[in-house]
PDB file of N, CA and C in Angstrom:
ATOM      1  N   MET A   1     -94.433  55.332 -56.312  1.00  0.00           N
ATOM      2  CA  MET A   1     -93.827  56.586 -56.734  1.00  0.00           C
ATOM      3  C   MET A   1     -92.311  56.452 -56.804  1.00  0.00           C
ATOM      4  N   LYS A   2     -91.713  55.739 -55.850  1.00  0.00           N
ATOM      5  CA  LYS A   2     -90.265  55.552 -55.862  1.00  0.00           C
ATOM      6  C   LYS A   2     -89.831  54.748 -57.084  1.00  0.00           C
ATOM      7  N   LYS A   3     -90.636  53.743 -57.443  1.00  0.00           N
ATOM      8  CA  LYS A   3     -90.298  52.935 -58.615  1.00  0.00           C
ATOM      9  C   LYS A   3     -90.351  53.783 -59.886  1.00  0.00           C
ATOM     10  N   PHE A   4     -91.334  54.654 -59.978  1.00  0.00           N
ATOM     11  CA  PHE A   4     -91.468  55.530 -61.136  1.00  0.00           C
ATOM     12  C   PHE A   4     -90.250  56.447 -61.262  1.00  0.00           C
ATOM     13  N   CYS A   5     -89.808  57.022 -60.155  1.00  0.00           N
ATOM     14  CA  CYS A   5     -88.631  57.903 -60.166  1.00  0.00           C
ATOM     15  C   CYS A   5     -87.375  57.136 -60.566  1.00  0.00           C
ATOM     16  N   CYS A   6     -87.245  55.908 -60.104  1.00  0.00           N
ATOM     17  CA  CYS A   6     -86.083  55.086 -60.470  1.00  0.00           C
ATOM     18  C   CYS A   6     -86.071  54.793 -61.965  1.00  0.00           C
ATOM     19  N   VAL A   7     -87.244  54.511 -62.530  1.00  0.00           N
ATOM     20  CA  VAL A   7     -87.326  54.224 -63.959  1.00  0.00           C
ATOM     21  C   VAL A   7     -86.975  55.469 -64.769  1.00  0.00           C
ATOM     22  N   VAL A   8     -87.457  56.606 -64.375  1.00  0.00           N
ATOM     23  CA  VAL A   8     -87.154  57.852 -65.081  1.00  0.00           C
ATOM     24  C   VAL A   8     -85.659  58.150 -65.025  1.00  0.00           C
ATOM     25  N   LEU A   9     -85.043  57.992 -63.881  1.00  0.00           N
ATOM     26  CA  LEU A   9     -83.607  58.231 -63.749  1.00  0.00           C
ATOM     27  C   LEU A   9     -82.795  57.229 -64.562  1.00  0.00           C
ATOM     28  N   ALA A  10     -83.264  56.003 -64.645  1.00  0.00           N
ATOM     29  CA  ALA A  10     -82.555  54.989 -65.417  1.00  0.00           C
ATOM     30  C   ALA A  10     -82.605  55.270 -66.917  1.00  0.00           C
ATOM     31  N   LEU A  11     -83.657  55.930 -67.395  1.00  0.00           N
ATOM     32  CA  LEU A  11     -83.808  56.224 -68.818  1.00  0.00           C
ATOM     33  C   LEU A  11     -83.099  57.499 -69.258  1.00  0.00           C
ATOM     34  N   LEU A  12     -82.623  58.307 -68.342  1.00  0.00           N
ATOM     35  CA  LEU A  12     -81.973  59.558 -68.716  1.00  0.00           C
ATOM     36  C   LEU A  12     -80.775  59.374 -69.642  1.00  0.00           C
ATOM     37  N   PRO A  13     -79.892  58.410 -69.430  1.00  0.00           N
ATOM     38  CA  PRO A  13     -78.772  58.259 -70.364  1.00  0.00           C
ATOM     39  C   PRO A  13     -79.208  57.932 -71.792  1.00  0.00           C
ATOM     40  N   LEU A  14     -80.373  57.379 -71.988  1.00  0.00           N
ATOM     41  CA  LEU A  14     -80.853  57.057 -73.322  1.00  0.00           C
ATOM     42  C   LEU A  14     -81.239  58.298 -74.119  1.00  0.00           C
ATOM     43  N   THR A  15     -81.443  59.411 -73.459  1.00  0.00           N
ATOM     44  CA  THR A  15     -81.845  60.623 -74.156  1.00  0.00           C
ATOM     45  C   THR A  15     -80.658  61.395 -74.703  1.00  0.00           C
ATOM     46  N   ALA A  16     -79.443  61.083 -74.297  1.00  0.00           N
ATOM     47  CA  ALA A  16     -78.261  61.784 -74.784  1.00  0.00           C
ATOM     48  C   ALA A  16     -77.976  61.374 -76.229  1.00  0.00           C
ATOM     49  N   PHE A  17     -77.494  62.320 -77.049  1.00  0.00           N
ATOM     50  CA  PHE A  17     -77.212  62.015 -78.442  1.00  0.00           C
ATOM     51  C   PHE A  17     -75.764  62.337 -78.798  1.00  0.00           C
ATOM     52  N   ALA A  18     -74.852  62.221 -77.859  1.00  0.00           N
ATOM     53  CA  ALA A  18     -73.454  62.536 -78.102  1.00  0.00           C
ATOM     54  C   ALA A  18     -72.833  61.514 -79.047  1.00  0.00           C
ATOM     55  N   TYR A  19     -71.927  61.986 -79.873  1.00  0.00           N
ATOM     56  CA  TYR A  19     -71.191  61.128 -80.780  1.00  0.00           C
ATOM     57  C   TYR A  19     -69.718  61.519 -80.714  1.00  0.00           C
ATOM     58  N   PRO A  20     -68.804  60.604 -81.042  1.00  0.00           N
ATOM     59  CA  PRO A  20     -67.379  60.928 -80.974  1.00  0.00           C
ATOM     60  C   PRO A  20     -66.964  61.874 -82.101  1.00  0.00           C
ATOM     61  N   ILE A  21     -66.031  62.762 -81.800  1.00  0.00           N
ATOM     62  CA  ILE A  21     -65.508  63.710 -82.775  1.00  0.00           C
ATOM     63  C   ILE A  21     -63.988  63.590 -82.787  1.00  0.00           C
ATOM     64  N   ASP A  22     -63.430  63.272 -83.950  1.00  0.00           N
ATOM     65  CA  ASP A  22     -61.984  63.207 -84.126  1.00  0.00           C
ATOM     66  C   ASP A  22     -61.533  64.442 -84.904  1.00  0.00           C
ATOM     67  N   VAL A  23     -60.531  65.147 -84.383  1.00  0.00           N
ATOM     68  CA  VAL A  23     -60.017  66.349 -85.038  1.00  0.00           C
ATOM     69  C   VAL A  23     -58.559  66.118 -85.410  1.00  0.00           C
ATOM     70  N   GLN A  24     -58.253  66.294 -86.690  1.00  0.00           N
ATOM     71  CA  GLN A  24     -56.874  66.282 -87.158  1.00  0.00           C
ATOM     72  C   GLN A  24     -56.505  67.720 -87.467  1.00  0.00           C
ATOM     73  N   LYS A  25     -55.383  68.173 -86.919  1.00  0.00           N
ATOM     74  CA  LYS A  25     -55.040  69.572 -87.079  1.00  0.00           C
ATOM     75  C   LYS A  25     -53.684  69.745 -87.754  1.00  0.00           C
ATOM     76  N   ASN A  26     -53.576  70.797 -88.543  1.00  0.00           N
ATOM     77  CA  ASN A  26     -52.338  71.223 -89.169  1.00  0.00           C
ATOM     78  C   ASN A  26     -52.299  72.739 -88.993  1.00  0.00           C
ATOM     79  N   LEU A  27     -51.626  73.192 -87.945  1.00  0.00           N
ATOM     80  CA  LEU A  27     -51.697  74.608 -87.550  1.00  0.00           C
ATOM     81  C   LEU A  27     -50.547  75.451 -88.081  1.00  0.00           C
ATOM     82  N   ASN A  28     -49.534  74.842 -88.683  1.00  0.00           N
ATOM     83  CA  ASN A  28     -48.418  75.568 -89.290  1.00  0.00           C
ATOM     84  C   ASN A  28     -47.784  76.592 -88.365  1.00  0.00           C
ATOM     85  N   GLY A  29     -47.577  76.237 -87.121  1.00  0.00           N
ATOM     86  CA  GLY A  29     -46.889  77.099 -86.163  1.00  0.00           C
ATOM     87  C   GLY A  29     -47.725  78.218 -85.566  1.00  0.00           C
ATOM     88  N   LEU A  30     -48.999  78.303 -85.899  1.00  0.00           N
ATOM     89  CA  LEU A  30     -49.860  79.353 -85.354  1.00  0.00           C
ATOM     90  C   LEU A  30     -50.339  78.973 -83.960  1.00  0.00           C
ATOM     91  N   LYS A  31     -50.659  79.973 -83.164  1.00  0.00           N
ATOM     92  CA  LYS A  31     -51.188  79.744 -81.812  1.00  0.00           C
ATOM     93  C   LYS A  31     -52.710  79.649 -81.896  1.00  0.00           C
ATOM     94  N   ILE A  32     -53.158  78.493 -82.351  1.00  0.00           N
ATOM     95  CA  ILE A  32     -54.587  78.240 -82.575  1.00  0.00           C
ATOM     96  C   ILE A  32     -55.045  77.167 -81.594  1.00  0.00           C
ATOM     97  N   ASP A  33     -56.229  77.371 -81.032  1.00  0.00           N
ATOM     98  CA  ASP A  33     -56.865  76.373 -80.184  1.00  0.00           C
ATOM     99  C   ASP A  33     -58.259  76.122 -80.741  1.00  0.00           C
ATOM    100  N   TYR A  34     -58.800  74.951 -80.489  1.00  0.00           N
ATOM    101  CA  TYR A  34     -60.121  74.619 -81.011  1.00  0.00           C
ATOM    102  C   TYR A  34     -60.911  73.850 -79.966  1.00  0.00           C
ATOM    103  N   GLU A  35     -62.210  73.872 -80.138  1.00  0.00           N
ATOM    104  CA  GLU A  35     -63.124  73.101 -79.299  1.00  0.00           C
ATOM    105  C   GLU A  35     -64.258  72.622 -80.199  1.00  0.00           C
ATOM    106  N   SER A  36     -64.496  71.320 -80.214  1.00  0.00           N
ATOM    107  CA  SER A  36     -65.534  70.764 -81.078  1.00  0.00           C
ATOM    108  C   SER A  36     -66.793  70.480 -80.271  1.00  0.00           C
ATOM    109  N   PHE A  37     -67.940  70.572 -80.953  1.00  0.00           N
ATOM    110  CA  PHE A  37     -69.236  70.408 -80.294  1.00  0.00           C
ATOM    111  C   PHE A  37     -70.122  69.468 -81.102  1.00  0.00           C
ATOM    112  N   ASP A  38     -70.940  68.689 -80.410  1.00  0.00           N
ATOM    113  CA  ASP A  38     -71.996  67.913 -81.056  1.00  0.00           C
ATOM    114  C   ASP A  38     -73.288  68.691 -80.855  1.00  0.00           C
ATOM    115  N   THR A  39     -73.534  69.642 -81.730  1.00  0.00           N
ATOM    116  CA  THR A  39     -74.641  70.582 -81.596  1.00  0.00           C
ATOM    117  C   THR A  39     -75.997  69.883 -81.633  1.00  0.00           C
ATOM    118  N   ASP A  40     -76.172  68.976 -82.573  1.00  0.00           N
ATOM    119  CA  ASP A  40     -77.417  68.223 -82.709  1.00  0.00           C
ATOM    120  C   ASP A  40     -77.068  66.871 -83.323  1.00  0.00           C
ATOM    121  N   LYS A  41     -78.045  66.012 -83.486  1.00  0.00           N
ATOM    122  CA  LYS A  41     -77.766  64.663 -83.991  1.00  0.00           C
ATOM    123  C   LYS A  41     -77.252  64.671 -85.431  1.00  0.00           C
ATOM    124  N   ASP A  42     -77.516  65.754 -86.190  1.00  0.00           N
ATOM    125  CA  ASP A  42     -77.035  65.847 -87.562  1.00  0.00           C
ATOM    126  C   ASP A  42     -76.236  67.123 -87.832  1.00  0.00           C
ATOM    127  N   ILE A  43     -75.820  67.819 -86.768  1.00  0.00           N
ATOM    128  CA  ILE A  43     -75.048  69.061 -86.900  1.00  0.00           C
ATOM    129  C   ILE A  43     -73.802  68.977 -86.026  1.00  0.00           C
ATOM    130  N   GLY A  44     -72.664  69.276 -86.627  1.00  0.00           N
ATOM    131  CA  GLY A  44     -71.413  69.343 -85.879  1.00  0.00           C
ATOM    132  C   GLY A  44     -70.818  70.732 -86.018  1.00  0.00           C
ATOM    133  N   SER A  45     -70.070  71.168 -85.030  1.00  0.00           N
ATOM    134  CA  SER A  45     -69.461  72.493 -85.108  1.00  0.00           C
ATOM    135  C   SER A  45     -68.125  72.502 -84.384  1.00  0.00           C
ATOM    136  N   ILE A  46     -67.329  73.505 -84.716  1.00  0.00           N
ATOM    137  CA  ILE A  46     -66.025  73.683 -84.099  1.00  0.00           C
ATOM    138  C   ILE A  46     -65.810  75.170 -83.872  1.00  0.00           C
ATOM    139  N   ARG A  47     -65.218  75.502 -82.738  1.00  0.00           N
ATOM    140  CA  ARG A  47     -64.885  76.883 -82.392  1.00  0.00           C
ATOM    141  C   ARG A  47     -63.374  76.997 -82.486  1.00  0.00           C
ATOM    142  N   VAL A  48     -62.883  77.893 -83.325  1.00  0.00           N
ATOM    143  CA  VAL A  48     -61.451  78.079 -83.549  1.00  0.00           C
ATOM    144  C   VAL A  48     -61.044  79.422 -82.957  1.00  0.00           C
ATOM    145  N   ALA A  49     -60.082  79.394 -82.032  1.00  0.00           N
ATOM    146  CA  ALA A  49     -59.604  80.612 -81.366  1.00  0.00           C
ATOM    147  C   ALA A  49     -58.155  80.868 -81.754  1.00  0.00           C
ATOM    148  N   ASN A  50     -57.839  82.123 -82.067  1.00  0.00           N
ATOM    149  CA  ASN A  50     -56.493  82.519 -82.464  1.00  0.00           C
ATOM    150  C   ASN A  50     -55.879  83.325 -81.321  1.00  0.00           C
ATOM    151  N   TYR A  51     -54.869  82.750 -80.659  1.00  0.00           N
ATOM    152  CA  TYR A  51     -54.201  83.426 -79.552  1.00  0.00           C
ATOM    153  C   TYR A  51     -52.901  84.096 -79.997  1.00  0.00           C
ATOM    154  N   GLY A  52     -52.609  84.062 -81.275  1.00  0.00           N
ATOM    155  CA  GLY A  52     -51.391  84.675 -81.800  1.00  0.00           C
ATOM    156  C   GLY A  52     -51.586  86.142 -82.140  1.00  0.00           C
ATOM    157  N   GLU A  53     -50.564  86.712 -82.752  1.00  0.00           N
ATOM    158  CA  GLU A  53     -50.592  88.123 -83.140  1.00  0.00           C
ATOM    159  C   GLU A  53     -50.806  88.307 -84.631  1.00  0.00           C
ATOM    160  N   VAL A  54     -50.975  87.191 -85.358  1.00  0.00           N
ATOM    161  CA  VAL A  54     -51.165  87.218 -86.800  1.00  0.00           C
ATOM    162  C   VAL A  54     -52.537  86.635 -87.127  1.00  0.00           C
ATOM    163  N   ASP A  55     -53.257  87.296 -88.050  1.00  0.00           N
ATOM    164  CA  ASP A  55     -54.541  86.761 -88.502  1.00  0.00           C
ATOM    165  C   ASP A  55     -54.318  85.421 -89.202  1.00  0.00           C
ATOM    166  N   ALA A  56     -55.322  84.539 -89.129  1.00  0.00           N
ATOM    167  CA  ALA A  56     -55.211  83.210 -89.720  1.00  0.00           C
ATOM    168  C   ALA A  56     -56.379  82.938 -90.665  1.00  0.00           C
ATOM    169  N   VAL A  57     -56.096  82.160 -91.691  1.00  0.00           N
ATOM    170  CA  VAL A  57     -57.115  81.664 -92.609  1.00  0.00           C
ATOM    171  C   VAL A  57     -57.158  80.154 -92.417  1.00  0.00           C
ATOM    172  N   CYS A  58     -58.335  79.633 -92.069  1.00  0.00           N
ATOM    173  CA  CYS A  58     -58.458  78.209 -91.759  1.00  0.00           C
ATOM    174  C   CYS A  58     -59.451  77.539 -92.696  1.00  0.00           C
ATOM    175  N   LYS A  59     -59.136  76.292 -93.012  1.00  0.00           N
ATOM    176  CA  LYS A  59     -60.029  75.445 -93.801  1.00  0.00           C
ATOM    177  C   LYS A  59     -60.463  74.306 -92.891  1.00  0.00           C
ATOM    178  N   VAL A  60     -61.770  74.128 -92.758  1.00  0.00           N
ATOM    179  CA  VAL A  60     -62.334  73.087 -91.905  1.00  0.00           C
ATOM    180  C   VAL A  60     -63.135  72.139 -92.793  1.00  0.00           C
ATOM    181  N   VAL A  61     -62.791  70.836 -92.737  1.00  0.00           N
ATOM    182  CA  VAL A  61     -63.497  69.828 -93.520  1.00  0.00           C
ATOM    183  C   VAL A  61     -64.179  68.873 -92.547  1.00  0.00           C
ATOM    184  N   PHE A  62     -65.513  68.824 -92.604  1.00  0.00           N
ATOM    185  CA  PHE A  62     -66.321  67.937 -91.774  1.00  0.00           C
ATOM    186  C   PHE A  62     -66.659  66.694 -92.590  1.00  0.00           C
ATOM    187  N   SER A  63     -66.393  65.500 -92.056  1.00  0.00           N
ATOM    188  CA  SER A  63     -66.709  64.245 -92.741  1.00  0.00           C
ATOM    189  C   SER A  63     -67.572  63.372 -91.842  1.00  0.00           C
ATOM    190  N   ASN A  64     -68.619  62.805 -92.437  1.00  0.00           N
ATOM    191  CA  ASN A  64     -69.520  61.911 -91.710  1.00  0.00           C
ATOM    192  C   ASN A  64     -69.815  60.706 -92.581  1.00  0.00           C
ATOM    193  N   GLY A  65     -68.953  59.707 -92.504  1.00  0.00           N
ATOM    194  CA  GLY A  65     -69.195  58.458 -93.215  1.00  0.00           C
ATOM    195  C   GLY A  65     -69.329  58.612 -94.710  1.00  0.00           C
ATOM    196  N   PRO A  66     -70.396  58.047 -95.294  1.00  0.00           N
ATOM    197  CA  PRO A  66     -70.509  58.010 -96.753  1.00  0.00           C
ATOM    198  C   PRO A  66     -70.946  59.333 -97.393  1.00  0.00           C
ATOM    199  N   GLU A  67     -71.367  60.294 -96.612  1.00  0.00           N
ATOM    200  CA  GLU A  67     -71.801  61.570 -97.187  1.00  0.00           C
ATOM    201  C   GLU A  67     -70.619  62.375 -97.696  1.00  0.00           C
ATOM    202  N   ALA A  68     -70.877  63.280 -98.613  1.00  0.00           N
ATOM    203  CA  ALA A  68     -69.827  64.157 -99.129  1.00  0.00           C
ATOM    204  C   ALA A  68     -69.325  65.069 -98.004  1.00  0.00           C
ATOM    205  N   PRO A  69     -68.013  65.278 -97.936  1.00  0.00           N
ATOM    206  CA  PRO A  69     -67.476  66.165 -96.892  1.00  0.00           C
ATOM    207  C   PRO A  69     -67.970  67.595 -97.075  1.00  0.00           C
ATOM    208  N   ARG A  70     -68.132  68.285 -95.960  1.00  0.00           N
ATOM    209  CA  ARG A  70     -68.541  69.699 -95.977  1.00  0.00           C
ATOM    210  C   ARG A  70     -67.302  70.537 -95.656  1.00  0.00           C
ATOM    211  N   THR A  71     -66.967  71.490 -96.517  1.00  0.00           N
ATOM    212  CA  THR A  71     -65.785  72.328 -96.335  1.00  0.00           C
ATOM    213  C   THR A  71     -66.215  73.739 -95.976  1.00  0.00           C
ATOM    214  N   ARG A  72     -65.579  74.298 -94.960  1.00  0.00           N
ATOM    215  CA  ARG A  72     -65.832  75.679 -94.530  1.00  0.00           C
ATOM    216  C   ARG A  72     -64.488  76.406 -94.483  1.00  0.00           C
ATOM    217  N   ASN A  73     -64.419  77.577 -95.095  1.00  0.00           N
ATOM    218  CA  ASN A  73     -63.237  78.425 -95.027  1.00  0.00           C
ATOM    219  C   ASN A  73     -63.557  79.602 -94.115  1.00  0.00           C
ATOM    220  N   ILE A  74     -62.738  79.779 -93.085  1.00  0.00           N
ATOM    221  CA  ILE A  74     -62.999  80.847 -92.115  1.00  0.00           C
ATOM    222  C   ILE A  74     -61.743  81.674 -91.897  1.00  0.00           C
ATOM    223  N   GLU A  75     -61.946  82.928 -91.574  1.00  0.00           N
ATOM    224  CA  GLU A  75     -60.850  83.808 -91.185  1.00  0.00           C
ATOM    225  C   GLU A  75     -60.957  84.044 -89.690  1.00  0.00           C
ATOM    226  N   VAL A  76     -59.823  83.894 -88.997  1.00  0.00           N
ATOM    227  CA  VAL A  76     -59.803  84.069 -87.547  1.00  0.00           C
ATOM    228  C   VAL A  76     -58.827  85.202 -87.232  1.00  0.00           C
ATOM    229  N   PRO A  77     -59.334  86.393 -86.908  1.00  0.00           N
ATOM    230  CA  PRO A  77     -58.441  87.509 -86.572  1.00  0.00           C
ATOM    231  C   PRO A  77     -57.646  87.223 -85.299  1.00  0.00           C
ATOM    232  N   ALA A  78     -56.516  87.867 -85.175  1.00  0.00           N
ATOM    233  CA  ALA A  78     -55.664  87.700 -83.995  1.00  0.00           C
ATOM    234  C   ALA A  78     -56.430  88.098 -82.739  1.00  0.00           C
ATOM    235  N   GLY A  79     -56.385  87.239 -81.733  1.00  0.00           N
ATOM    236  CA  GLY A  79     -57.056  87.501 -80.458  1.00  0.00           C
ATOM    237  C   GLY A  79     -58.554  87.261 -80.470  1.00  0.00           C
ATOM    238  N   LYS A  80     -59.095  86.705 -81.534  1.00  0.00           N
ATOM    239  CA  LYS A  80     -60.546  86.475 -81.653  1.00  0.00           C
ATOM    240  C   LYS A  80     -60.819  84.986 -81.869  1.00  0.00           C
ATOM    241  N   HIS A  81     -62.099  84.646 -81.947  1.00  0.00           N
ATOM    242  CA  HIS A  81     -62.503  83.276 -82.257  1.00  0.00           C
ATOM    243  C   HIS A  81     -63.635  83.289 -83.273  1.00  0.00           C
ATOM    244  N   THR A  82     -63.774  82.178 -83.998  1.00  0.00           N
ATOM    245  CA  THR A  82     -64.789  82.029 -85.032  1.00  0.00           C
ATOM    246  C   THR A  82     -65.352  80.609 -84.968  1.00  0.00           C
ATOM    247  N   ASN A  83     -66.621  80.467 -85.313  1.00  0.00           N
ATOM    248  CA  ASN A  83     -67.279  79.159 -85.322  1.00  0.00           C
ATOM    249  C   ASN A  83     -67.503  78.693 -86.751  1.00  0.00           C
ATOM    250  N   ALA A  84     -67.422  77.382 -86.950  1.00  0.00           N
ATOM    251  CA  ALA A  84     -67.772  76.760 -88.228  1.00  0.00           C
ATOM    252  C   ALA A  84     -68.724  75.612 -87.922  1.00  0.00           C
ATOM    253  N   THR A  85     -69.774  75.491 -88.735  1.00  0.00           N
ATOM    254  CA  THR A  85     -70.808  74.494 -88.498  1.00  0.00           C
ATOM    255  C   THR A  85     -71.129  73.764 -89.794  1.00  0.00           C
ATOM    256  N   ALA A  86     -71.467  72.476 -89.681  1.00  0.00           N
ATOM    257  CA  ALA A  86     -71.883  71.699 -90.846  1.00  0.00           C
ATOM    258  C   ALA A  86     -73.111  70.866 -90.478  1.00  0.00           C
ATOM    259  N   LYS A  87     -74.094  70.888 -91.384  1.00  0.00           N
ATOM    260  CA  LYS A  87     -75.308  70.086 -91.198  1.00  0.00           C
ATOM    261  C   LYS A  87     -75.290  68.965 -92.229  1.00  0.00           C
ATOM    262  N   PHE A  88     -75.595  67.764 -91.775  1.00  0.00           N
ATOM    263  CA  PHE A  88     -75.630  66.602 -92.646  1.00  0.00           C
ATOM    264  C   PHE A  88     -77.066  66.136 -92.816  1.00  0.00           C
ATOM    265  N   SER A  89     -77.308  65.352 -93.866  1.00  0.00           N
ATOM    266  CA  SER A  89     -78.672  64.867 -94.114  1.00  0.00           C
ATOM    267  C   SER A  89     -78.983  63.607 -93.304  1.00  0.00           C
ATOM    268  N   ARG A  90     -77.947  62.965 -92.746  1.00  0.00           N
ATOM    269  CA  ARG A  90     -78.145  61.790 -91.912  1.00  0.00           C
ATOM    270  C   ARG A  90     -77.665  62.065 -90.494  1.00  0.00           C
ATOM    271  N   GLU A  91     -78.071  61.211 -89.594  1.00  0.00           N
ATOM    272  CA  GLU A  91     -77.612  61.311 -88.214  1.00  0.00           C
ATOM    273  C   GLU A  91     -76.114  60.988 -88.161  1.00  0.00           C
ATOM    274  N   ILE A  92     -75.373  61.769 -87.396  1.00  0.00           N
ATOM    275  CA  ILE A  92     -73.927  61.575 -87.283  1.00  0.00           C
ATOM    276  C   ILE A  92     -73.645  60.436 -86.313  1.00  0.00           C
ATOM    277  N   ILE A  93     -72.835  59.489 -86.743  1.00  0.00           N
ATOM    278  CA  ILE A  93     -72.391  58.405 -85.870  1.00  0.00           C
ATOM    279  C   ILE A  93     -71.008  58.726 -85.328  1.00  0.00           C
ATOM    280  N   LYS A  94     -70.113  59.166 -86.217  1.00  0.00           N
ATOM    281  CA  LYS A  94     -68.771  59.601 -85.830  1.00  0.00           C
ATOM    282  C   LYS A  94     -68.381  60.735 -86.767  1.00  0.00           C
ATOM    283  N   LEU A  95     -67.987  61.868 -86.204  1.00  0.00           N
ATOM    284  CA  LEU A  95     -67.625  63.037 -86.997  1.00  0.00           C
ATOM    285  C   LEU A  95     -66.111  63.172 -87.043  1.00  0.00           C
ATOM    286  N   ARG A  96     -65.581  63.347 -88.265  1.00  0.00           N
ATOM    287  CA  ARG A  96     -64.157  63.595 -88.430  1.00  0.00           C
ATOM    288  C   ARG A  96     -63.975  65.008 -88.975  1.00  0.00           C
ATOM    289  N   VAL A  97     -63.086  65.766 -88.324  1.00  0.00           N
ATOM    290  CA  VAL A  97     -62.854  67.162 -88.692  1.00  0.00           C
ATOM    291  C   VAL A  97     -61.378  67.335 -88.997  1.00  0.00           C
ATOM    292  N   GLU A  98     -61.074  67.937 -90.159  1.00  0.00           N
ATOM    293  CA  GLU A  98     -59.712  68.300 -90.518  1.00  0.00           C
ATOM    294  C   GLU A  98     -59.602  69.815 -90.445  1.00  0.00           C
ATOM    295  N   LEU A  99     -58.692  70.302 -89.602  1.00  0.00           N
ATOM    296  CA  LEU A  99     -58.498  71.734 -89.413  1.00  0.00           C
ATOM    297  C   LEU A  99     -57.118  72.106 -89.914  1.00  0.00           C
ATOM    298  N   THR A 100     -57.065  72.966 -90.937  1.00  0.00           N
ATOM    299  CA  THR A 100     -55.801  73.432 -91.501  1.00  0.00           C
ATOM    300  C   THR A 100     -55.799  74.942 -91.461  1.00  0.00           C
ATOM    301  N   CYS A 101     -54.779  75.517 -90.785  1.00  0.00           N
ATOM    302  CA  CYS A 101     -54.698  76.974 -90.644  1.00  0.00           C
ATOM    303  C   CYS A 101     -53.371  77.477 -91.185  1.00  0.00           C
ATOM    304  N   ASN A 102     -53.410  78.624 -91.842  1.00  0.00           N
ATOM    305  CA  ASN A 102     -52.239  79.290 -92.383  1.00  0.00           C
ATOM    306  C   ASN A 102     -52.289  80.763 -92.016  1.00  0.00           C
ATOM    307  N   PRO A 103     -51.120  81.423 -91.907  1.00  0.00           N
ATOM    308  CA  PRO A 103     -51.127  82.868 -91.656  1.00  0.00           C
ATOM    309  C   PRO A 103     -51.751  83.603 -92.841  1.00  0.00           C
ATOM    310  N   LYS A 104     -52.395  84.702 -92.559  1.00  0.00           N
ATOM    311  CA  LYS A 104     -53.048  85.485 -93.617  1.00  0.00           C
ATOM    312  C   LYS A 104     -52.038  86.366 -94.310  1.00  0.00           C
TER     313      LYS A 104
END
């Protein structure tokens, strides 16, 4: 029984599907913060929070290797947050996100 438990514990890291996420940001002086997530093996997402007093319009471009980039345009009201998500047809190995925000 102890050997079985050791084998199960040893295999736990193999079940994780995390991938690296690189974010390039161009915030144009806005008080914007972001947090990226590896939602699933083929889905990436980013949470954009606006801590400023001016509403922001953001463009988020998700890139995953040879696939076409996915572009999301979001509006982030002052003091609020918004999520952007992209689903790819292949498993993500490394996700690159470009975040560009401008005042509304």
